[in-house]
Amino acid sequence: MPTPPSPPTDATGGGATDTADVTTSDSFLGFVCGDTVVAARDLRVRGKVVVRQGGSGYVIGPAASSGRICVQFEQREDQSENRLNCLPDELRHTLAGGYLAGTRVRSHRTLESPAGTSIPAGCSGVVIGPARDPLFQRLLVRFALNGQDHVEELVCDPQDVESSIPGNFRRGNAVIATRDLRVNGQVVVREGVLGTVVGPSHSDSQHRVTVSFSHREDSSRNRLNCVVNEIKLYLAGNLEVGARVQAARPISYDRLAPVPTGSIGTVLGPAQDEPLARILVRWDSAPPAGAPPEREAHSDDLRLMIAGGFRRGETVLAAKDLRVKGLVVVKQNVLGTVVGQSATDPGGRVTVCFTRREDGRSNNLNVVPAEIQHMPCTGGLVPGDRVAALRQLLVVPKGAQGMVVGPSCSQSSRVAVRFHSSSAESSGECADSSEEVVLHVEPEDLKVLHAVAEDVDDALQPEREDDTEDSGPALAGGYNRGDAVAATRDLRVGGKVVVRANILGTVVGPSGQESG
């Protein structure tokens, strides 16, 4: 005589009881035999989790236990194959495309209702349930038009909508952890670890995002539900959304006019194609007729613009004691390294990692440009100076132009210079083969082309001549590099005296800034 199947078990926290066979009914408690469902939360039997939240199964029928539904789950934590009798609020329907009833979505493209109402792309909506077509392969979605003034219910294909994810993330976005992430007090994901957005959290779809991280400290492969400030979009080149960037070289396109060198724009996010290497940028300058203002660019073609003219990786000094909530956290003259633009104020603040903080913390600090200063280099050079090689320097030919990065970390008598080295000069190839190389060079081997400096106020001297660079080799006023000079009057910047009359100085070279 065949052994009867094991009876279902009640999934309750107060202990399980055996039940009788499944009763028959076509529709019960909003579910139908064969419906695909997922567990809305961890399901327990006698206090132990037997099915994890999100576990998938299908409805067998109404349970003999009053008010319960018999479900066969695909996997149980206790390896049992028994069915579970679940309460209706412990289950959620899975619909076409993997959506659940109640999921917040937005239209992926412009949709038209049978009444002729246009639903624009990006319009917010809520999945009501399955559309009762023969194959149940479509969704019934309620869209809110003009705020909440007008509601339109529409039958949609799964590809017509996409899940609304907190923080405006999109399914498949590459993200990184903004801090160490903990579960039950233990670090499970380290700051900076890369992950992929799976979708909104089933447990808190309005505030949490489900992320699959590439590495977990506990070796688990489980996904993690993160609040939006625990992750951020990963952008190539370590850029941030909203960062101001400049085209480092002409950016060409197949059917559009190129973006010229020096063009300035704002980072919008990762590119749709090659999101780990390319960036979507909105350029400030008006595009040619027919060209979109937003275009994709490779991160290598962009240069981050940091407030105060600082550069990423540059060594700086604290210009004064830096305070947070009235307490000194960084002493004057403490060294730091420029990390990049401030995420909270990209145009006005600089993020710096200082070598020492008085409060013992290791956090980066967002400072205004006046609170830090360029690290002085030997030879009167400063970071940002444009220079040219006076002779062949290893792989850099004579005359090659570069930019001073900072003092050499290997020899105090040298400076670090980033050159654009090209194999074209030796092989006759196209200049597209150029690449950057950083060399530690003696100042005597360099010629200053444009020096970085502040313009002295000339409001008190309206007759002062224009200080733009002459076309010939001589500097303005007939000065030469290295000449000893003295200030003929008090020199002001921003209305404040910065150099007194008769103070001695040395001519570095022509000013790299345009006259106002």
Protein backbone atom coordinates (compact mmCIF):
# COMPACT_ATOMS: atom_id res chain seq x y z
CA MET A 1 0.00 0.00 0.00
CA PRO A 2 1.57 3.37 -1.04
CA THR A 3 2.75 5.71 1.70
CA PRO A 4 0.56 8.82 1.85
CA PRO A 5 2.33 12.17 1.43
CA SER A 6 3.41 13.99 4.58
CA PRO A 7 0.79 16.45 5.76
CA PRO A 8 1.54 20.17 5.49
CA THR A 9 2.93 22.06 8.44
CA ASP A 10 1.62 25.35 9.81
CA ALA A 11 4.23 28.10 9.42
CA THR A 12 3.65 29.93 12.68
CA GLY A 13 5.87 31.17 15.43
CA GLY A 14 3.85 29.37 18.08
CA GLY A 15 4.64 25.86 16.92
CA ALA A 16 3.40 23.65 14.10
CA THR A 17 0.57 21.17 14.04
CA ASP A 18 -0.14 18.45 11.54
CA THR A 19 -3.06 19.11 9.28
CA ALA A 20 -5.44 17.15 7.13
CA ASP A 21 -5.39 17.03 3.35
CA VAL A 22 -5.91 20.08 1.19
CA THR A 23 -9.47 21.13 0.59
CA THR A 24 -10.77 21.95 -2.87
CA SER A 25 -11.77 25.40 -4.06
CA ASP A 26 -11.09 27.38 -7.22
CA SER A 27 -10.26 30.69 -5.51
CA PHE A 28 -9.47 31.33 -1.87
CA LEU A 29 -8.09 34.26 0.10
CA GLY A 30 -7.02 35.94 -3.16
CA PHE A 31 -4.97 32.95 -4.34
CA VAL A 32 -5.60 30.32 -7.00
CA CYS A 33 -4.17 26.81 -7.33
CA GLY A 34 -0.91 27.01 -9.23
CA ASP A 35 -0.18 30.67 -8.37
CA THR A 36 3.57 31.38 -8.05
CA VAL A 37 4.34 33.05 -4.73
CA VAL A 38 7.27 34.14 -2.58
CA ALA A 39 7.62 34.26 1.19
CA ALA A 40 7.00 37.81 2.41
CA ARG A 41 9.19 37.16 5.48
CA ASP A 42 11.19 34.35 7.09
CA LEU A 43 8.83 31.46 7.82
CA ARG A 44 9.38 29.49 11.03
CA VAL A 45 8.28 26.11 12.36
CA ARG A 46 8.82 25.49 16.09
CA GLY A 47 10.96 28.64 16.25
CA LYS A 48 13.36 27.64 13.44
CA VAL A 49 13.49 29.32 10.04
CA VAL A 50 12.48 26.79 7.39
CA VAL A 51 11.94 29.17 4.42
CA ARG A 52 13.84 32.42 3.95
CA GLN A 53 12.19 35.66 2.92
CA GLY A 54 11.91 35.68 -0.87
CA GLY A 55 11.80 31.89 -1.11
CA SER A 56 9.77 30.84 -4.15
CA GLY A 57 6.95 28.30 -4.29
CA TYR A 58 3.54 27.59 -5.75
CA VAL A 59 0.06 27.31 -4.27
CA ILE A 60 -1.36 23.78 -3.83
CA GLY A 61 -4.73 24.89 -2.50
CA PRO A 62 -6.55 26.01 0.63
CA ALA A 63 -5.31 24.32 3.80
CA ALA A 64 -7.59 22.44 6.11
CA SER A 65 -6.45 24.87 8.83
CA SER A 66 -8.87 27.77 8.76
CA GLY A 67 -7.54 30.86 7.00
CA ARG A 68 -4.34 29.24 5.68
CA ILE A 69 -2.94 28.39 2.25
CA CYS A 70 -0.98 25.24 1.42
CA VAL A 71 2.27 26.02 -0.45
CA GLN A 72 5.02 23.84 -1.89
CA PHE A 73 8.30 25.78 -1.64
CA GLU A 74 11.22 25.06 -3.97
CA GLN A 75 13.75 25.00 -1.12
CA ARG A 76 13.59 24.72 2.64
CA GLU A 77 16.38 25.45 5.09
CA ASP A 78 15.80 22.14 6.88
CA GLN A 79 16.03 20.24 3.56
CA SER A 80 12.49 18.93 4.07
CA GLU A 81 10.18 18.55 1.08
CA ASN A 82 7.02 18.99 3.16
CA ARG A 83 4.47 21.61 2.23
CA LEU A 84 3.73 24.59 4.51
CA ASN A 85 0.39 26.00 5.55
CA CYS A 86 0.86 29.79 5.43
CA LEU A 87 -1.17 32.82 6.38
CA PRO A 88 -2.10 35.08 3.43
CA ASP A 89 0.11 37.95 4.69
CA GLU A 90 3.11 35.57 4.68
CA LEU A 91 2.87 35.25 0.89
CA ARG A 92 3.08 37.55 -2.10
CA HIS A 93 2.16 36.83 -5.69
CA THR A 94 4.92 36.78 -8.27
CA LEU A 95 3.72 38.10 -11.57
CA ALA A 96 5.02 38.25 -15.11
CA GLY A 97 8.55 39.64 -15.20
CA GLY A 98 9.12 38.70 -11.56
CA TYR A 99 7.06 41.61 -10.24
CA LEU A 100 5.00 41.43 -7.06
CA ALA A 101 1.63 42.96 -6.29
CA GLY A 102 2.26 46.32 -4.62
CA THR A 103 5.66 46.85 -6.29
CA ARG A 104 6.31 50.50 -7.09
CA VAL A 105 7.27 50.94 -10.75
CA ARG A 106 7.76 53.66 -13.33
CA SER A 107 6.96 53.59 -17.03
CA HIS A 108 9.99 52.67 -19.12
CA ARG A 109 8.60 54.46 -22.18
CA THR A 110 5.61 56.57 -23.18
CA LEU A 111 2.41 54.49 -22.96
CA GLU A 112 -1.07 55.06 -24.35
CA SER A 113 -4.25 54.03 -22.51
CA PRO A 114 -7.32 52.71 -24.41
CA ALA A 115 -8.99 56.05 -23.66
CA GLY A 116 -6.16 57.90 -25.41
CA THR A 117 -4.44 59.19 -22.27
CA SER A 118 -0.67 59.48 -22.67
CA ILE A 119 1.46 58.20 -19.80
CA PRO A 120 4.96 59.69 -20.13
CA ALA A 121 8.18 57.78 -19.56
CA GLY A 122 9.19 57.85 -15.89
CA CYS A 123 5.62 58.15 -14.58
CA SER A 124 5.24 56.47 -11.16
CA GLY A 125 2.83 53.62 -10.64
CA VAL A 126 1.96 50.57 -8.52
CA VAL A 127 1.46 46.99 -9.71
CA ILE A 128 -2.10 45.99 -8.77
CA GLY A 129 -1.88 42.38 -9.87
CA PRO A 130 -1.93 40.20 -12.98
CA ALA A 131 -3.92 41.23 -16.01
CA ARG A 132 -6.54 38.53 -16.48
CA ASP A 133 -5.48 37.64 -19.99
CA PRO A 134 -5.41 33.91 -20.93
CA LEU A 135 -1.71 33.40 -20.17
CA PHE A 136 -1.38 35.87 -17.27
CA GLN A 137 1.74 37.28 -18.95
CA ARG A 138 0.85 40.96 -18.42
CA LEU A 139 0.45 43.29 -15.47
CA LEU A 140 -2.27 45.62 -14.24
CA VAL A 141 -0.59 48.87 -13.18
CA ARG A 142 -2.16 51.94 -11.58
CA PHE A 143 -0.37 55.15 -12.66
CA ALA A 144 -0.67 58.49 -10.86
CA LEU A 145 -0.85 61.35 -13.37
CA ASN A 146 -0.38 65.00 -12.34
CA GLY A 147 0.55 64.01 -8.80
CA GLN A 148 -2.48 62.22 -7.38
CA ASP A 149 -5.14 64.22 -9.23
CA HIS A 150 -5.72 61.57 -11.87
CA VAL A 151 -5.25 57.81 -11.67
CA GLU A 152 -5.07 55.58 -14.73
CA GLU A 153 -5.08 51.77 -14.63
CA LEU A 154 -3.36 50.18 -17.58
CA VAL A 155 -2.51 46.65 -18.73
CA CYS A 156 1.24 46.57 -19.41
CA ASP A 157 3.82 44.17 -20.72
CA PRO A 158 6.62 43.57 -18.16
CA GLN A 159 9.08 45.43 -20.39
CA ASP A 160 6.85 48.54 -20.35
CA VAL A 161 7.74 49.25 -16.72
CA GLU A 162 10.75 49.04 -14.41
CA SER A 163 10.94 48.82 -10.63
CA SER A 164 11.20 52.10 -8.77
CA ILE A 165 14.24 51.65 -6.58
CA PRO A 166 15.00 53.98 -3.64
CA GLY A 167 17.77 56.46 -4.32
CA ASN A 168 16.92 56.45 -8.06
CA PHE A 169 19.08 53.38 -8.57
CA ARG A 170 18.32 51.09 -11.48
CA ARG A 171 18.38 47.32 -11.67
CA GLY A 172 21.88 46.24 -12.69
CA ASN A 173 23.62 49.45 -11.54
CA ALA A 174 27.17 48.92 -10.29
CA VAL A 175 27.49 50.36 -6.76
CA ILE A 176 30.09 50.44 -3.99
CA ALA A 177 29.62 50.35 -0.22
CA THR A 178 30.13 53.82 1.28
CA ARG A 179 31.09 52.36 4.67
CA ASP A 180 31.57 49.02 6.41
CA LEU A 181 28.22 47.20 6.43
CA ARG A 182 27.30 45.14 9.49
CA VAL A 183 24.83 42.38 10.29
CA ASN A 184 24.26 41.62 13.98
CA GLY A 185 27.30 43.77 14.81
CA GLN A 186 29.69 41.90 12.50
CA VAL A 187 31.22 43.52 9.40
CA VAL A 188 30.01 41.54 6.38
CA VAL A 189 30.93 43.98 3.57
CA ARG A 190 33.91 46.34 3.65
CA GLU A 191 33.77 49.96 2.50
CA GLY A 192 34.52 50.25 -1.23
CA VAL A 193 33.45 46.70 -2.18
CA LEU A 194 31.69 46.56 -5.57
CA GLY A 195 28.14 45.26 -5.87
CA THR A 196 25.18 45.08 -8.28
CA VAL A 197 21.69 46.43 -7.64
CA VAL A 198 19.16 43.59 -7.74
CA GLY A 199 16.08 45.71 -7.05
CA PRO A 200 14.05 47.21 -4.21
CA SER A 201 14.03 45.28 -0.95
CA HIS A 202 10.96 43.08 -0.50
CA SER A 203 10.89 43.95 3.21
CA ASP A 204 11.14 47.75 2.77
CA SER A 205 10.74 48.71 -0.88
CA GLN A 206 10.61 52.45 -0.14
CA HIS A 207 13.85 52.78 1.84
CA ARG A 208 16.11 49.79 1.13
CA VAL A 209 17.87 48.38 -1.93
CA THR A 210 18.79 44.73 -2.42
CA VAL A 211 22.45 44.45 -3.50
CA SER A 212 24.57 41.47 -4.49
CA PHE A 213 28.15 42.25 -3.41
CA SER A 214 31.19 40.74 -5.09
CA HIS A 215 32.75 39.81 -1.74
CA ARG A 216 31.49 39.31 1.80
CA GLU A 217 33.68 38.92 4.87
CA ASP A 218 31.54 36.04 6.15
CA SER A 219 31.85 34.20 2.80
CA SER A 220 28.07 34.19 2.46
CA ARG A 221 26.55 34.58 -0.99
CA ASN A 222 23.35 36.12 0.35
CA ARG A 223 22.26 39.48 -0.93
CA LEU A 224 22.12 42.45 1.42
CA ASN A 225 19.29 44.96 1.93
CA CYS A 226 20.96 48.37 2.21
CA VAL A 227 19.61 51.82 3.01
CA VAL A 228 20.37 54.28 0.23
CA ASN A 229 23.19 56.13 2.04
CA GLU A 230 25.13 52.86 2.50
CA ILE A 231 25.80 52.57 -1.24
CA LYS A 232 26.63 54.89 -4.11
CA LEU A 233 26.83 54.54 -7.87
CA TYR A 234 30.16 53.29 -9.15
CA LEU A 235 31.41 55.56 -11.91
CA ALA A 236 34.53 55.00 -13.99
CA GLY A 237 37.45 57.22 -13.05
CA ASN A 238 36.17 57.40 -9.46
CA LEU A 239 33.89 60.27 -10.47
CA GLU A 240 30.66 61.26 -8.71
CA VAL A 241 27.24 62.15 -10.06
CA GLY A 242 27.18 65.95 -10.28
CA ALA A 243 30.96 66.25 -10.62
CA ARG A 244 32.23 69.00 -12.92
CA VAL A 245 34.57 67.69 -15.59
CA GLN A 246 36.56 68.99 -18.54
CA ALA A 247 37.36 67.30 -21.84
CA ALA A 248 41.07 66.44 -21.68
CA ARG A 249 41.22 65.90 -25.45
CA PRO A 250 38.79 66.03 -28.40
CA ILE A 251 36.04 63.42 -27.93
CA SER A 252 34.92 62.07 -31.28
CA TYR A 253 31.68 60.30 -32.24
CA ASP A 254 30.64 58.37 -35.34
CA ARG A 255 27.77 60.59 -36.48
CA LEU A 256 28.11 63.70 -34.31
CA ALA A 257 30.48 66.64 -34.15
CA PRO A 258 33.30 66.06 -31.65
CA VAL A 259 33.37 67.65 -28.22
CA PRO A 260 36.39 70.01 -28.29
CA THR A 261 39.22 69.96 -25.77
CA GLY A 262 38.47 72.11 -22.73
CA SER A 263 34.68 71.73 -22.90
CA ILE A 264 33.13 71.71 -19.44
CA GLY A 265 30.19 69.58 -18.33
CA THR A 266 28.43 67.79 -15.48
CA VAL A 267 28.47 64.04 -14.82
CA LEU A 268 24.95 62.57 -14.93
CA GLY A 269 25.77 58.91 -14.29
CA PRO A 270 27.14 55.76 -15.92
CA ALA A 271 26.76 55.31 -19.67
CA GLN A 272 24.22 52.79 -20.91
CA ASP A 273 26.93 51.04 -22.94
CA GLU A 274 30.08 50.00 -21.05
CA PRO A 275 28.90 51.51 -17.73
CA LEU A 276 32.12 50.47 -15.96
CA ALA A 277 34.29 52.49 -18.36
CA ARG A 278 32.12 55.26 -19.81
CA ILE A 279 30.28 58.24 -18.34
CA LEU A 280 27.17 60.18 -19.38
CA VAL A 281 27.97 63.93 -19.39
CA ARG A 282 25.80 67.00 -20.00
CA TRP A 283 28.03 69.59 -21.68
CA ASP A 284 27.56 73.28 -20.84
CA SER A 285 28.17 74.62 -24.34
CA ALA A 286 25.26 74.61 -26.76
CA PRO A 287 25.56 71.55 -29.02
CA PRO A 288 25.48 71.83 -32.82
CA ALA A 289 22.07 71.54 -34.46
CA GLY A 290 20.67 68.04 -34.06
CA ALA A 291 23.27 66.98 -31.45
CA PRO A 292 22.10 66.06 -27.91
CA PRO A 293 23.61 68.01 -24.97
CA GLU A 294 24.10 64.73 -23.12
CA ARG A 295 26.73 62.42 -24.54
CA GLU A 296 28.74 59.43 -23.41
CA ALA A 297 32.50 59.74 -22.92
CA HIS A 298 35.27 57.43 -21.80
CA SER A 299 36.51 58.31 -18.32
CA ASP A 300 40.08 58.62 -19.66
CA ASP A 301 38.92 61.52 -21.85
CA LEU A 302 37.72 63.53 -18.85
CA ARG A 303 39.56 65.60 -16.26
CA LEU A 304 37.98 66.31 -12.88
CA MET A 305 37.65 70.01 -12.07
CA ILE A 306 38.28 70.59 -8.37
CA ALA A 307 37.56 73.84 -6.55
CA GLY A 308 40.58 76.10 -6.15
CA GLY A 309 42.40 74.49 -9.08
CA PHE A 310 43.60 71.56 -6.98
CA ARG A 311 44.21 68.18 -8.58
CA ARG A 312 43.37 64.68 -7.44
CA GLY A 313 46.35 63.06 -5.71
CA GLU A 314 48.07 66.41 -5.10
CA THR A 315 49.86 66.88 -1.77
CA VAL A 316 48.59 69.90 0.18
CA LEU A 317 49.09 71.62 3.54
CA ALA A 318 46.44 72.77 6.00
CA ALA A 319 46.65 76.57 5.77
CA LYS A 320 45.29 76.96 9.32
CA ASP A 321 43.80 74.92 12.15
CA LEU A 322 40.70 73.16 10.81
CA ARG A 323 37.72 72.79 13.13
CA VAL A 324 34.60 70.64 13.23
CA LYS A 325 31.89 71.81 15.64
CA GLY A 326 34.39 74.14 17.28
CA LEU A 327 37.05 71.49 17.92
CA VAL A 328 40.40 71.46 16.11
CA VAL A 329 40.60 68.23 14.09
CA VAL A 330 43.57 69.10 11.84
CA LYS A 331 46.48 71.33 12.87
CA GLN A 332 47.97 73.95 10.61
CA ASN A 333 50.71 72.66 8.22
CA VAL A 334 49.59 69.02 8.47
CA LEU A 335 50.04 67.26 5.14
CA GLY A 336 47.13 65.86 3.18
CA THR A 337 46.25 64.38 -0.19
CA VAL A 338 43.46 65.69 -2.41
CA VAL A 339 40.86 62.93 -2.89
CA GLY A 340 38.59 64.90 -5.21
CA GLN A 341 35.52 67.10 -5.24
CA SER A 342 33.28 67.17 -2.20
CA ALA A 343 30.19 65.04 -2.83
CA THR A 344 28.02 67.55 -0.95
CA ASP A 345 29.43 70.69 -2.63
CA PRO A 346 31.37 69.73 -5.78
CA GLY A 347 31.89 73.32 -6.90
CA GLY A 348 32.91 74.84 -3.59
CA ARG A 349 34.73 72.25 -1.45
CA VAL A 350 37.62 69.81 -1.72
CA THR A 351 37.80 66.38 -0.08
CA VAL A 352 41.21 65.86 1.55
CA CYS A 353 42.74 62.88 3.36
CA PHE A 354 45.05 64.31 6.03
CA THR A 355 47.95 62.33 7.46
CA ARG A 356 46.90 63.09 11.04
CA ARG A 357 43.72 64.14 12.79
CA GLU A 358 43.61 65.40 16.37
CA ASP A 359 40.41 63.47 17.11
CA GLY A 360 42.03 60.16 16.14
CA ARG A 361 39.63 59.53 13.27
CA SER A 362 40.68 58.57 9.76
CA ASN A 363 37.77 60.17 7.89
CA ASN A 364 38.38 62.48 4.95
CA LEU A 365 37.62 66.16 5.47
CA ASN A 366 35.70 68.50 3.15
CA VAL A 367 37.44 71.89 3.13
CA VAL A 368 37.11 75.16 1.23
CA PRO A 369 40.10 75.98 -0.99
CA ALA A 370 41.26 78.78 1.35
CA GLU A 371 41.80 76.21 4.14
CA ILE A 372 44.53 74.34 2.21
CA GLN A 373 47.50 75.39 0.13
CA HIS A 374 49.65 73.85 -2.56
CA MET A 375 52.69 72.01 -1.31
CA PRO A 376 55.68 74.12 -2.40
CA CYS A 377 58.16 72.43 -4.74
CA THR A 378 61.84 73.02 -5.23
CA GLY A 379 62.90 75.50 -7.90
CA GLY A 380 60.03 77.88 -7.19
CA LEU A 381 57.55 75.61 -8.96
CA VAL A 382 54.04 74.83 -7.70
CA PRO A 383 51.56 72.09 -8.66
CA GLY A 384 49.68 73.06 -11.80
CA ASP A 385 52.57 74.91 -13.49
CA ARG A 386 52.75 74.11 -17.22
CA VAL A 387 56.32 73.21 -18.18
CA ALA A 388 58.37 71.89 -21.12
CA ALA A 389 61.38 69.53 -21.11
CA LEU A 390 64.65 71.29 -21.99
CA ARG A 391 66.27 67.98 -22.97
CA GLN A 392 65.43 64.31 -23.55
CA LEU A 393 64.12 62.83 -20.28
CA LEU A 394 64.06 59.04 -20.57
CA VAL A 395 60.94 58.35 -22.69
CA VAL A 396 60.01 62.05 -22.85
CA PRO A 397 61.50 63.95 -25.81
CA LYS A 398 62.91 67.44 -25.64
CA GLY A 399 60.17 70.04 -25.87
CA ALA A 400 57.43 67.73 -24.54
CA GLN A 401 54.93 69.63 -22.39
CA GLY A 402 53.70 68.57 -18.99
CA MET A 403 52.24 69.74 -15.70
CA VAL A 404 53.83 69.86 -12.27
CA VAL A 405 52.07 67.39 -9.97
CA GLY A 406 53.95 68.18 -6.76
CA PRO A 407 57.23 67.63 -4.96
CA SER A 408 59.08 64.42 -5.66
CA CYS A 409 58.51 61.73 -3.06
CA SER A 410 61.88 60.13 -3.89
CA GLN A 411 64.28 63.11 -3.96
CA SER A 412 63.63 66.50 -2.36
CA SER A 413 65.64 68.27 -5.09
CA ARG A 414 63.21 67.11 -7.80
CA VAL A 415 59.60 67.70 -8.79
CA ALA A 416 57.01 65.23 -10.13
CA VAL A 417 55.80 66.17 -13.61
CA ARG A 418 53.08 64.51 -15.67
CA PHE A 419 54.06 64.51 -19.36
CA HIS A 420 52.04 63.56 -22.40
CA SER A 421 54.43 61.15 -24.08
CA SER A 422 53.70 60.11 -27.67
CA SER A 423 55.27 57.37 -29.72
CA ALA A 424 54.22 59.33 -32.80
CA GLU A 425 57.42 61.38 -32.73
CA SER A 426 59.56 58.31 -33.24
CA SER A 427 57.30 56.08 -35.33
CA GLY A 428 55.19 58.55 -37.29
CA GLU A 429 51.96 57.09 -35.89
CA CYS A 430 48.82 59.09 -35.24
CA ALA A 431 48.92 61.21 -32.10
CA ASP A 432 46.05 59.17 -30.67
CA SER A 433 48.73 56.79 -29.32
CA SER A 434 49.77 59.38 -26.71
CA GLU A 435 49.82 58.39 -23.06
CA GLU A 436 50.66 60.02 -19.76
CA VAL A 437 53.87 59.38 -17.86
CA VAL A 438 55.03 60.88 -14.55
CA LEU A 439 58.75 61.60 -14.12
CA HIS A 440 60.72 63.01 -11.19
CA VAL A 441 62.77 65.82 -12.75
CA GLU A 442 65.37 68.40 -11.72
CA PRO A 443 63.90 71.94 -12.05
CA GLU A 444 66.90 72.93 -14.22
CA ASP A 445 65.63 70.53 -16.90
CA LEU A 446 62.31 72.35 -17.19
CA LYS A 447 61.09 75.55 -18.76
CA VAL A 448 58.01 77.23 -17.27
CA LEU A 449 55.33 77.91 -19.89
CA HIS A 450 52.46 79.03 -17.66
CA ALA A 451 52.77 79.60 -13.93
CA VAL A 452 49.87 79.13 -11.53
CA ALA A 453 49.30 82.24 -9.39
CA GLU A 454 46.62 84.58 -8.06
CA ASP A 455 45.94 87.83 -9.92
CA VAL A 456 46.73 90.92 -7.84
CA ASP A 457 43.83 93.35 -7.48
CA ASP A 458 44.23 96.24 -9.92
CA ALA A 459 41.19 98.23 -8.85
CA LEU A 460 43.47 100.85 -7.22
CA GLN A 461 45.69 101.06 -10.32
CA PRO A 462 43.38 101.45 -13.33
CA GLU A 463 46.31 102.46 -15.52
CA ARG A 464 48.04 99.09 -14.95
CA GLU A 465 48.91 97.40 -18.24
CA ASP A 466 47.37 94.14 -19.41
CA ASP A 467 49.32 91.18 -18.02
CA THR A 468 48.64 88.72 -20.83
CA GLU A 469 51.61 86.83 -22.25
CA ASP A 470 53.45 88.42 -25.19
CA SER A 471 53.82 86.47 -28.43
CA GLY A 472 57.65 86.69 -28.23
CA PRO A 473 60.00 85.04 -25.74
CA ALA A 474 60.31 88.13 -23.47
CA LEU A 475 57.99 88.42 -20.46
CA ALA A 476 55.75 91.41 -19.79
CA GLY A 477 57.82 94.42 -18.73
CA GLY A 478 60.97 92.87 -20.19
CA TYR A 479 61.52 90.54 -17.22
CA ASN A 480 63.20 87.18 -17.52
CA ARG A 481 62.71 83.99 -15.50
CA GLY A 482 64.82 84.12 -12.35
CA ASP A 483 65.04 87.93 -12.18
CA ALA A 484 65.09 89.33 -8.63
CA VAL A 485 62.28 91.87 -8.20
CA ALA A 486 60.63 93.95 -5.46
CA ALA A 487 56.99 94.94 -5.05
CA THR A 488 56.54 98.64 -5.88
CA ARG A 489 53.36 98.84 -3.76
CA ASP A 490 51.19 96.77 -1.46
CA LEU A 491 49.74 93.88 -3.50
CA ARG A 492 46.20 92.76 -2.76
CA VAL A 493 44.15 89.63 -3.45
CA GLY A 494 40.43 89.75 -2.72
CA GLY A 495 40.90 93.22 -1.23
CA LYS A 496 43.44 92.02 1.37
CA VAL A 497 47.14 92.90 1.37
CA VAL A 498 49.14 89.71 0.73
CA VAL A 499 52.55 91.25 -0.11
CA ARG A 500 53.88 94.54 1.30
CA ALA A 501 55.74 97.11 -0.78
CA ASN A 502 59.50 96.49 -1.22
CA ILE A 503 59.24 92.75 -0.44
CA LEU A 504 61.70 90.80 -2.62
CA GLY A 505 60.65 88.02 -4.99
CA THR A 506 61.80 85.97 -8.01
CA VAL A 507 60.20 85.93 -11.47
CA VAL A 508 58.87 82.41 -12.13
CA GLY A 509 57.48 82.94 -15.63
CA PRO A 510 54.47 84.27 -17.55
CA SER A 511 51.09 84.15 -15.80
CA GLY A 512 48.98 81.16 -16.78
CA GLN A 513 45.72 83.08 -16.18
CA GLU A 514 43.95 85.29 -18.68
CA SER A 515 43.59 88.97 -17.88
CA GLY A 516 40.20 90.19 -16.73
